[in-house]
Amino acid sequence: MKTSTENKIQVTIDTNLLTYLGGSTQVCNRLHAFIDLLQNAVKEPAEISKRGITIHLAPGQLEASIVELSIKWKWHRKTVASFLDELESHGYIKRMSSNVSTIIELICLNRCAAESPTNCPTEPTPFYTEEVPALCTADFLQLLPDVAHQDPPMQLSDDIRQSCKKVYDLFIETFPLLDKPESYNDCLEKDIYYVFILGMKGNFSRLEKYFGIIKADPFKNGTMAAQTGISSGKVSFQQLFSTNWQLVFDCDAENSTEHDE
């Protein structure tokens, strides 16, 4: 999704018009997918239950994993992930995920609902991302009701907070050629918490394997960009601590299977 600041204008339309523009085709394109997100976002605070855990949804949020959207939209999982990554990189959505749930927040919907249409911001602001469903242990589930959907700063134990800071320091040490985010803060801590503590269950061996896969790829680890000045595949801190971590493991597993055959 490429945008030109010269041609960018603010347009206020409703979902009825979006549905009309989408037409009646049975093929789910990007417009239909975005309309589906809008239509399924809750209008009032709501609670849903998943795997015995109560999940709280704020207005403008919905619960949907990449796997679920892949089945619903009849897209490949990587296509779904790429679509959501694009929306998130432009500040239109924000994802917050754990081993139990994946919350998608329609930032564009919430911001325009809170303000008059003429005051809706043209430039989206950066947000922070995470993902992906997996099996949970009973001990792990006990973490979720307290902090899973808090806004930063979250009420974390000192041990968990120190682990998140250690992950951040390891990122700095492992990827000297990647762009560094701002100084460690509450928002970065939440990124790391969702991916490392909730997603990877605080397993440093799993984190090091993830970092190792990225580090071995000159396009992703910044080497190619350092040599040529550009690299379309160069990852960022935001991508490392987002749905990207699960996709990297999935792709690595698929490649390993192909090499074994």
C-alpha atoms as a PDB file:
ATOM      1  CA  MET A   1       0.000   0.000   0.000  1.00  0.00           C
ATOM      2  CA  LYS A   2       1.754   3.121  -1.227  1.00  0.00           C
ATOM      3  CA  THR A   3       0.375   6.536  -0.387  1.00  0.00           C
ATOM      4  CA  SER A   4       1.227   9.970  -1.700  1.00  0.00           C
ATOM      5  CA  THR A   5       1.070  12.839   0.750  1.00  0.00           C
ATOM      6  CA  GLU A   6       0.309  15.174  -2.160  1.00  0.00           C
ATOM      7  CA  ASN A   7      -2.855  13.284  -3.126  1.00  0.00           C
ATOM      8  CA  LYS A   8      -4.051  12.380   0.381  1.00  0.00           C
ATOM      9  CA  ILE A   9      -7.448  13.762   1.375  1.00  0.00           C
ATOM     10  CA  GLN A  10      -9.799  12.958   4.252  1.00  0.00           C
ATOM     11  CA  VAL A  11     -13.082  11.319   3.214  1.00  0.00           C
ATOM     12  CA  THR A  12     -15.926  10.441   5.581  1.00  0.00           C
ATOM     13  CA  ILE A  13     -18.192   7.610   4.394  1.00  0.00           C
ATOM     14  CA  ASP A  14     -20.341   5.012   6.135  1.00  0.00           C
ATOM     15  CA  THR A  15     -20.315   1.229   5.914  1.00  0.00           C
ATOM     16  CA  ASN A  16     -23.408   1.212   3.676  1.00  0.00           C
ATOM     17  CA  LEU A  17     -21.464   3.077   1.001  1.00  0.00           C
ATOM     18  CA  LEU A  18     -18.460   0.803   1.480  1.00  0.00           C
ATOM     19  CA  THR A  19     -20.672  -2.252   1.030  1.00  0.00           C
ATOM     20  CA  TYR A  20     -22.199  -0.752  -2.112  1.00  0.00           C
ATOM     21  CA  LEU A  21     -18.768   0.058  -3.561  1.00  0.00           C
ATOM     22  CA  GLY A  22     -17.634  -3.463  -2.801  1.00  0.00           C
ATOM     23  CA  GLY A  23     -20.309  -4.878  -5.093  1.00  0.00           C
ATOM     24  CA  SER A  24     -21.812  -8.351  -4.932  1.00  0.00           C
ATOM     25  CA  THR A  25     -18.875 -10.432  -6.110  1.00  0.00           C
ATOM     26  CA  GLN A  26     -18.276 -13.666  -4.238  1.00  0.00           C
ATOM     27  CA  VAL A  27     -14.528 -13.068  -4.296  1.00  0.00           C
ATOM     28  CA  CYS A  28     -13.256 -11.414  -1.125  1.00  0.00           C
ATOM     29  CA  ASN A  29     -10.915  -8.597  -2.138  1.00  0.00           C
ATOM     30  CA  ARG A  30      -9.156  -6.136   0.157  1.00  0.00           C
ATOM     31  CA  LEU A  31     -12.171  -3.820   0.256  1.00  0.00           C
ATOM     32  CA  HIS A  32     -14.497  -6.659   1.287  1.00  0.00           C
ATOM     33  CA  ALA A  33     -11.995  -7.781   3.915  1.00  0.00           C
ATOM     34  CA  PHE A  34     -11.768  -4.286   5.385  1.00  0.00           C
ATOM     35  CA  ILE A  35     -15.567  -3.935   5.381  1.00  0.00           C
ATOM     36  CA  ASP A  36     -15.767  -7.259   7.214  1.00  0.00           C
ATOM     37  CA  LEU A  37     -13.435  -5.939   9.921  1.00  0.00           C
ATOM     38  CA  LEU A  38     -15.518  -2.783  10.283  1.00  0.00           C
ATOM     39  CA  GLN A  39     -18.804  -4.661  10.475  1.00  0.00           C
ATOM     40  CA  ASN A  40     -17.563  -7.115  13.085  1.00  0.00           C
ATOM     41  CA  ALA A  41     -16.007  -4.550  15.413  1.00  0.00           C
ATOM     42  CA  VAL A  42     -18.185  -4.193  18.504  1.00  0.00           C
ATOM     43  CA  LYS A  43     -20.047  -0.915  19.023  1.00  0.00           C
ATOM     44  CA  GLU A  44     -20.219  -1.193  22.822  1.00  0.00           C
ATOM     45  CA  PRO A  45     -17.943  -2.818  25.440  1.00  0.00           C
ATOM     46  CA  ALA A  46     -18.420  -6.573  25.174  1.00  0.00           C
ATOM     47  CA  GLU A  47     -17.180  -9.833  26.648  1.00  0.00           C
ATOM     48  CA  ILE A  48     -16.617 -13.076  24.776  1.00  0.00           C
ATOM     49  CA  SER A  49     -15.376 -16.438  25.999  1.00  0.00           C
ATOM     50  CA  LYS A  50     -12.630 -18.397  24.287  1.00  0.00           C
ATOM     51  CA  ARG A  51     -11.093 -21.589  25.672  1.00  0.00           C
ATOM     52  CA  GLY A  52     -12.727 -20.803  28.979  1.00  0.00           C
ATOM     53  CA  ILE A  53     -11.128 -17.350  29.203  1.00  0.00           C
ATOM     54  CA  THR A  54     -13.193 -14.165  29.278  1.00  0.00           C
ATOM     55  CA  ILE A  55     -11.958 -11.643  26.707  1.00  0.00           C
ATOM     56  CA  HIS A  56     -12.940  -8.005  27.041  1.00  0.00           C
ATOM     57  CA  LEU A  57     -13.564  -6.052  23.842  1.00  0.00           C
ATOM     58  CA  ALA A  58     -13.673  -2.268  23.754  1.00  0.00           C
ATOM     59  CA  PRO A  59     -15.694  -0.379  21.118  1.00  0.00           C
ATOM     60  CA  GLY A  60     -13.977  -0.675  17.744  1.00  0.00           C
ATOM     61  CA  GLN A  61     -12.366  -4.048  18.537  1.00  0.00           C
ATOM     62  CA  LEU A  62     -13.004  -7.578  17.317  1.00  0.00           C
ATOM     63  CA  GLU A  63     -11.468 -10.947  18.113  1.00  0.00           C
ATOM     64  CA  ALA A  64     -10.158 -12.821  15.058  1.00  0.00           C
ATOM     65  CA  SER A  65      -6.973 -14.751  14.379  1.00  0.00           C
ATOM     66  CA  ILE A  66      -5.141 -14.994  11.059  1.00  0.00           C
ATOM     67  CA  VAL A  67      -6.270 -18.606  10.762  1.00  0.00           C
ATOM     68  CA  GLU A  68      -9.920 -17.652  11.287  1.00  0.00           C
ATOM     69  CA  LEU A  69      -9.755 -14.787   8.801  1.00  0.00           C
ATOM     70  CA  SER A  70      -7.958 -17.018   6.298  1.00  0.00           C
ATOM     71  CA  ILE A  71     -10.862 -19.473   6.387  1.00  0.00           C
ATOM     72  CA  LYS A  72     -13.499 -16.736   6.317  1.00  0.00           C
ATOM     73  CA  TRP A  73     -11.966 -14.719   3.487  1.00  0.00           C
ATOM     74  CA  LYS A  74     -10.649 -17.789   1.605  1.00  0.00           C
ATOM     75  CA  TRP A  75      -7.155 -16.279   1.544  1.00  0.00           C
ATOM     76  CA  HIS A  76      -3.791 -17.843   2.278  1.00  0.00           C
ATOM     77  CA  ARG A  77      -2.651 -17.113   5.829  1.00  0.00           C
ATOM     78  CA  LYS A  78       0.364 -15.185   4.546  1.00  0.00           C
ATOM     79  CA  THR A  79      -1.933 -13.015   2.416  1.00  0.00           C
ATOM     80  CA  VAL A  80      -4.068 -12.247   5.473  1.00  0.00           C
ATOM     81  CA  ALA A  81      -0.979 -11.437   7.530  1.00  0.00           C
ATOM     82  CA  SER A  82       0.420  -9.188   4.798  1.00  0.00           C
ATOM     83  CA  PHE A  83      -2.910  -7.337   4.486  1.00  0.00           C
ATOM     84  CA  LEU A  84      -3.134  -6.751   8.235  1.00  0.00           C
ATOM     85  CA  ASP A  85       0.524  -5.707   8.360  1.00  0.00           C
ATOM     86  CA  GLU A  86      -0.153  -3.074   5.703  1.00  0.00           C
ATOM     87  CA  LEU A  87      -3.177  -1.715   7.573  1.00  0.00           C
ATOM     88  CA  GLU A  88      -1.200  -1.657  10.791  1.00  0.00           C
ATOM     89  CA  SER A  89       1.881  -0.017   9.295  1.00  0.00           C
ATOM     90  CA  HIS A  90      -0.334   2.889   8.195  1.00  0.00           C
ATOM     91  CA  GLY A  91      -1.959   3.177  11.604  1.00  0.00           C
ATOM     92  CA  TYR A  92      -5.463   2.027  10.608  1.00  0.00           C
ATOM     93  CA  ILE A  93      -5.524  -1.001  12.914  1.00  0.00           C
ATOM     94  CA  LYS A  94      -3.678  -2.283  15.953  1.00  0.00           C
ATOM     95  CA  ARG A  95      -3.272  -5.944  16.899  1.00  0.00           C
ATOM     96  CA  MET A  96      -2.885  -7.332  20.408  1.00  0.00           C
ATOM     97  CA  SER A  97      -2.541 -11.096  20.714  1.00  0.00           C
ATOM     98  CA  SER A  98      -1.823 -13.875  23.136  1.00  0.00           C
ATOM     99  CA  ASN A  99      -1.947 -17.657  23.032  1.00  0.00           C
ATOM    100  CA  VAL A 100      -5.708 -17.408  23.577  1.00  0.00           C
ATOM    101  CA  SER A 101      -6.916 -14.469  21.542  1.00  0.00           C
ATOM    102  CA  THR A 102      -6.074 -12.022  18.782  1.00  0.00           C
ATOM    103  CA  ILE A 103      -7.679  -8.620  19.206  1.00  0.00           C
ATOM    104  CA  ILE A 104      -7.886  -6.306  16.185  1.00  0.00           C
ATOM    105  CA  GLU A 105      -8.634  -2.696  17.022  1.00  0.00           C
ATOM    106  CA  LEU A 106      -9.917  -0.432  14.240  1.00  0.00           C
ATOM    107  CA  ILE A 107      -7.930   2.678  15.129  1.00  0.00           C
ATOM    108  CA  CYS A 108      -9.383   4.626  12.194  1.00  0.00           C
ATOM    109  CA  LEU A 109     -12.912   3.783  13.370  1.00  0.00           C
ATOM    110  CA  ASN A 110     -12.319   4.698  16.995  1.00  0.00           C
ATOM    111  CA  ARG A 111     -10.544   7.960  16.270  1.00  0.00           C
ATOM    112  CA  CYS A 112     -13.213   9.241  13.893  1.00  0.00           C
ATOM    113  CA  ALA A 113     -16.017   8.139  16.222  1.00  0.00           C
ATOM    114  CA  ALA A 114     -14.485  10.080  19.102  1.00  0.00           C
ATOM    115  CA  GLU A 115     -14.109  13.289  17.087  1.00  0.00           C
ATOM    116  CA  SER A 116     -16.192  15.145  14.544  1.00  0.00           C
ATOM    117  CA  PRO A 117     -15.523  14.000  10.958  1.00  0.00           C
ATOM    118  CA  THR A 118     -13.713  17.192  10.055  1.00  0.00           C
ATOM    119  CA  ASN A 119     -11.273  16.679  12.919  1.00  0.00           C
ATOM    120  CA  CYS A 120     -10.250  13.134  12.034  1.00  0.00           C
ATOM    121  CA  PRO A 121      -6.468  13.083  11.608  1.00  0.00           C
ATOM    122  CA  THR A 122      -5.069  12.668   8.113  1.00  0.00           C
ATOM    123  CA  GLU A 123      -1.758  11.212   9.225  1.00  0.00           C
ATOM    124  CA  PRO A 124      -2.011   7.940  11.169  1.00  0.00           C
ATOM    125  CA  THR A 125       0.312   7.511  14.118  1.00  0.00           C
ATOM    126  CA  PRO A 126       2.559   4.475  14.727  1.00  0.00           C
ATOM    127  CA  PHE A 127       1.195   1.629  16.788  1.00  0.00           C
ATOM    128  CA  TYR A 128       2.414  -1.619  18.215  1.00  0.00           C
ATOM    129  CA  THR A 129       1.613  -5.174  17.216  1.00  0.00           C
ATOM    130  CA  GLU A 130       1.526  -8.740  18.312  1.00  0.00           C
ATOM    131  CA  GLU A 131      -0.045 -12.163  17.526  1.00  0.00           C
ATOM    132  CA  VAL A 132      -0.717 -15.583  17.384  1.00  0.00           C
ATOM    133  CA  PRO A 133      -2.871 -18.444  18.759  1.00  0.00           C
ATOM    134  CA  ALA A 134      -1.218 -21.520  20.233  1.00  0.00           C
ATOM    135  CA  LEU A 135      -1.894 -24.097  22.949  1.00  0.00           C
ATOM    136  CA  CYS A 136      -1.794 -22.855  26.548  1.00  0.00           C
ATOM    137  CA  THR A 137      -0.841 -24.316  29.904  1.00  0.00           C
ATOM    138  CA  ALA A 138      -2.897 -23.733  33.027  1.00  0.00           C
ATOM    139  CA  ASP A 139      -0.121 -21.602  34.549  1.00  0.00           C
ATOM    140  CA  PHE A 140       0.046 -19.458  31.437  1.00  0.00           C
ATOM    141  CA  LEU A 141      -3.688 -18.855  31.417  1.00  0.00           C
ATOM    142  CA  GLN A 142      -3.498 -17.326  34.874  1.00  0.00           C
ATOM    143  CA  LEU A 143      -1.568 -14.374  33.412  1.00  0.00           C
ATOM    144  CA  LEU A 144      -4.246 -13.383  30.948  1.00  0.00           C
ATOM    145  CA  PRO A 145      -7.153 -11.908  32.919  1.00  0.00           C
ATOM    146  CA  ASP A 146      -4.921  -9.411  34.742  1.00  0.00           C
ATOM    147  CA  VAL A 147      -2.767  -7.812  32.072  1.00  0.00           C
ATOM    148  CA  ALA A 148      -3.558  -9.182  28.615  1.00  0.00           C
ATOM    149  CA  HIS A 149      -5.508  -6.163  27.396  1.00  0.00           C
ATOM    150  CA  GLN A 150      -4.240  -3.346  29.584  1.00  0.00           C
ATOM    151  CA  ASP A 151      -2.971  -0.180  28.019  1.00  0.00           C
ATOM    152  CA  PRO A 152       0.637   0.640  28.866  1.00  0.00           C
ATOM    153  CA  PRO A 153       2.089   0.955  31.386  1.00  0.00           C
ATOM    154  CA  MET A 154       0.938  -2.533  32.348  1.00  0.00           C
ATOM    155  CA  GLN A 155       1.065  -3.870  35.879  1.00  0.00           C
ATOM    156  CA  LEU A 156       3.770  -6.495  35.422  1.00  0.00           C
ATOM    157  CA  SER A 157       5.876  -8.231  38.029  1.00  0.00           C
ATOM    158  CA  ASP A 158       9.493  -7.145  38.400  1.00  0.00           C
ATOM    159  CA  ASP A 159      10.696 -10.497  36.993  1.00  0.00           C
ATOM    160  CA  ILE A 160       8.591 -10.164  33.834  1.00  0.00           C
ATOM    161  CA  ARG A 161       9.583  -6.527  33.424  1.00  0.00           C
ATOM    162  CA  GLN A 162      13.282  -7.454  33.706  1.00  0.00           C
ATOM    163  CA  SER A 163      12.814 -10.235  31.148  1.00  0.00           C
ATOM    164  CA  CYS A 164      11.248  -7.776  28.689  1.00  0.00           C
ATOM    165  CA  LYS A 165      14.156  -5.372  29.161  1.00  0.00           C
ATOM    166  CA  LYS A 166      16.600  -8.246  28.622  1.00  0.00           C
ATOM    167  CA  VAL A 167      14.847  -9.070  25.319  1.00  0.00           C
ATOM    168  CA  TYR A 168      15.187  -5.452  24.222  1.00  0.00           C
ATOM    169  CA  ASP A 169      18.916  -5.433  25.056  1.00  0.00           C
ATOM    170  CA  LEU A 170      19.323  -8.726  23.171  1.00  0.00           C
ATOM    171  CA  PHE A 171      17.665  -7.174  20.117  1.00  0.00           C
ATOM    172  CA  ILE A 172      20.124  -4.249  20.205  1.00  0.00           C
ATOM    173  CA  GLU A 173      23.060  -6.630  20.566  1.00  0.00           C
ATOM    174  CA  THR A 174      21.926  -9.118  17.901  1.00  0.00           C
ATOM    175  CA  PHE A 175      20.953  -6.705  15.124  1.00  0.00           C
ATOM    176  CA  PRO A 176      23.450  -3.824  14.992  1.00  0.00           C
ATOM    177  CA  LEU A 177      22.455  -3.039  11.380  1.00  0.00           C
ATOM    178  CA  LEU A 178      18.750  -2.663  12.058  1.00  0.00           C
ATOM    179  CA  ASP A 179      17.211   0.702  12.878  1.00  0.00           C
ATOM    180  CA  LYS A 180      16.844   1.155  16.613  1.00  0.00           C
ATOM    181  CA  PRO A 181      13.497   2.213  18.095  1.00  0.00           C
ATOM    182  CA  GLU A 182      13.192   4.988  20.607  1.00  0.00           C
ATOM    183  CA  SER A 183      14.573   4.421  24.080  1.00  0.00           C
ATOM    184  CA  TYR A 184      12.973   1.593  26.025  1.00  0.00           C
ATOM    185  CA  ASN A 185       9.497   2.661  27.134  1.00  0.00           C
ATOM    186  CA  ASP A 186       6.090   1.309  28.176  1.00  0.00           C
ATOM    187  CA  CYS A 187       4.856   0.812  24.602  1.00  0.00           C
ATOM    188  CA  LEU A 188       7.951  -1.160  23.566  1.00  0.00           C
ATOM    189  CA  GLU A 189       7.585  -3.195  26.740  1.00  0.00           C
ATOM    190  CA  LYS A 190       4.035  -4.113  25.765  1.00  0.00           C
ATOM    191  CA  ASP A 191       5.223  -5.207  22.304  1.00  0.00           C
ATOM    192  CA  ILE A 192       7.808  -7.481  23.871  1.00  0.00           C
ATOM    193  CA  TYR A 193       5.397  -8.718  26.539  1.00  0.00           C
ATOM    194  CA  TYR A 194       2.811  -9.884  24.025  1.00  0.00           C
ATOM    195  CA  VAL A 195       5.276 -11.638  21.733  1.00  0.00           C
ATOM    196  CA  PHE A 196       7.872 -12.969  24.163  1.00  0.00           C
ATOM    197  CA  ILE A 197       5.987 -13.516  27.426  1.00  0.00           C
ATOM    198  CA  LEU A 198       2.546 -14.434  26.054  1.00  0.00           C
ATOM    199  CA  GLY A 199       3.459 -15.793  22.622  1.00  0.00           C
ATOM    200  CA  MET A 200       6.806 -17.489  23.326  1.00  0.00           C
ATOM    201  CA  LYS A 201       5.992 -18.136  26.999  1.00  0.00           C
ATOM    202  CA  GLY A 202       9.175 -16.381  28.100  1.00  0.00           C
ATOM    203  CA  ASN A 203      11.383 -19.013  26.434  1.00  0.00           C
ATOM    204  CA  PHE A 204      14.751 -17.434  25.609  1.00  0.00           C
ATOM    205  CA  SER A 205      15.794 -20.477  23.571  1.00  0.00           C
ATOM    206  CA  ARG A 206      12.795 -19.916  21.318  1.00  0.00           C
ATOM    207  CA  LEU A 207      13.582 -16.205  21.097  1.00  0.00           C
ATOM    208  CA  GLU A 208      17.212 -16.924  20.173  1.00  0.00           C
ATOM    209  CA  LYS A 209      16.039 -19.349  17.484  1.00  0.00           C
ATOM    210  CA  TYR A 210      13.761 -16.629  16.097  1.00  0.00           C
ATOM    211  CA  PHE A 211      16.554 -14.069  16.168  1.00  0.00           C
ATOM    212  CA  GLY A 212      18.882 -16.633  14.579  1.00  0.00           C
ATOM    213  CA  ILE A 213      16.558 -17.149  11.601  1.00  0.00           C
ATOM    214  CA  ILE A 214      16.381 -13.386  11.020  1.00  0.00           C
ATOM    215  CA  LYS A 215      20.114 -12.890  11.551  1.00  0.00           C
ATOM    216  CA  ALA A 216      20.924 -15.522   8.916  1.00  0.00           C
ATOM    217  CA  ASP A 217      19.020 -13.614   6.224  1.00  0.00           C
ATOM    218  CA  PRO A 218      21.071 -10.686   4.826  1.00  0.00           C
ATOM    219  CA  PHE A 219      17.941  -9.099   3.380  1.00  0.00           C
ATOM    220  CA  LYS A 220      16.181  -9.080   6.752  1.00  0.00           C
ATOM    221  CA  ASN A 221      19.087  -8.411   9.144  1.00  0.00           C
ATOM    222  CA  GLY A 222      20.176  -5.165   7.482  1.00  0.00           C
ATOM    223  CA  THR A 223      23.330  -6.447   5.758  1.00  0.00           C
ATOM    224  CA  MET A 224      21.940  -6.009   2.262  1.00  0.00           C
ATOM    225  CA  ALA A 225      20.706  -2.537   3.102  1.00  0.00           C
ATOM    226  CA  ALA A 226      24.134  -1.619   4.492  1.00  0.00           C
ATOM    227  CA  GLN A 227      25.791  -2.765   1.243  1.00  0.00           C
ATOM    228  CA  THR A 228      23.320  -1.331  -1.249  1.00  0.00           C
ATOM    229  CA  GLY A 229      21.537   1.363   0.725  1.00  0.00           C
ATOM    230  CA  ILE A 230      18.175  -0.372   0.290  1.00  0.00           C
ATOM    231  CA  SER A 231      16.492  -3.642   1.227  1.00  0.00           C
ATOM    232  CA  SER A 232      12.771  -4.248   0.809  1.00  0.00           C
ATOM    233  CA  GLY A 233      12.980  -7.136   3.247  1.00  0.00           C
ATOM    234  CA  LYS A 234      14.772  -5.329   6.077  1.00  0.00           C
ATOM    235  CA  VAL A 235      12.815  -5.871   9.277  1.00  0.00           C
ATOM    236  CA  SER A 236      12.105  -3.356  12.009  1.00  0.00           C
ATOM    237  CA  PHE A 237      11.627  -3.669  15.757  1.00  0.00           C
ATOM    238  CA  GLN A 238       7.881  -3.345  15.165  1.00  0.00           C
ATOM    239  CA  GLN A 239       7.909  -6.242  12.691  1.00  0.00           C
ATOM    240  CA  LEU A 240      10.083  -8.431  14.921  1.00  0.00           C
ATOM    241  CA  PHE A 241       7.656  -8.025  17.794  1.00  0.00           C
ATOM    242  CA  SER A 242       4.452  -8.543  15.838  1.00  0.00           C
ATOM    243  CA  THR A 243       2.706 -11.343  13.973  1.00  0.00           C
ATOM    244  CA  ASN A 244       5.948 -11.634  12.027  1.00  0.00           C
ATOM    245  CA  TRP A 245       7.464 -13.919  14.677  1.00  0.00           C
ATOM    246  CA  GLN A 246       4.950 -16.708  14.095  1.00  0.00           C
ATOM    247  CA  LEU A 247       5.178 -16.390  10.304  1.00  0.00           C
ATOM    248  CA  VAL A 248       8.976 -16.639  10.447  1.00  0.00           C
ATOM    249  CA  PHE A 249       8.723 -19.896  12.389  1.00  0.00           C
ATOM    250  CA  ASP A 250       6.040 -21.221  10.016  1.00  0.00           C
ATOM    251  CA  CYS A 251       8.151 -20.419   6.943  1.00  0.00           C
ATOM    252  CA  ASP A 252      11.274 -21.888   8.530  1.00  0.00           C
ATOM    253  CA  ALA A 253       9.386 -25.099   9.339  1.00  0.00           C
ATOM    254  CA  GLU A 254       8.039 -25.307   5.778  1.00  0.00           C
ATOM    255  CA  ASN A 255      11.530 -24.790   4.321  1.00  0.00           C
ATOM    256  CA  SER A 256      12.982 -27.429   6.622  1.00  0.00           C
ATOM    257  CA  THR A 257      10.313 -29.910   5.517  1.00  0.00           C
ATOM    258  CA  GLU A 258      11.015 -29.209   1.845  1.00  0.00           C
ATOM    259  CA  HIS A 259      14.751 -29.748   2.346  1.00  0.00           C
ATOM    260  CA  ASP A 260      14.117 -33.032   4.140  1.00  0.00           C
ATOM    261  CA  GLU A 261      12.005 -34.424   1.300  1.00  0.00           C
END
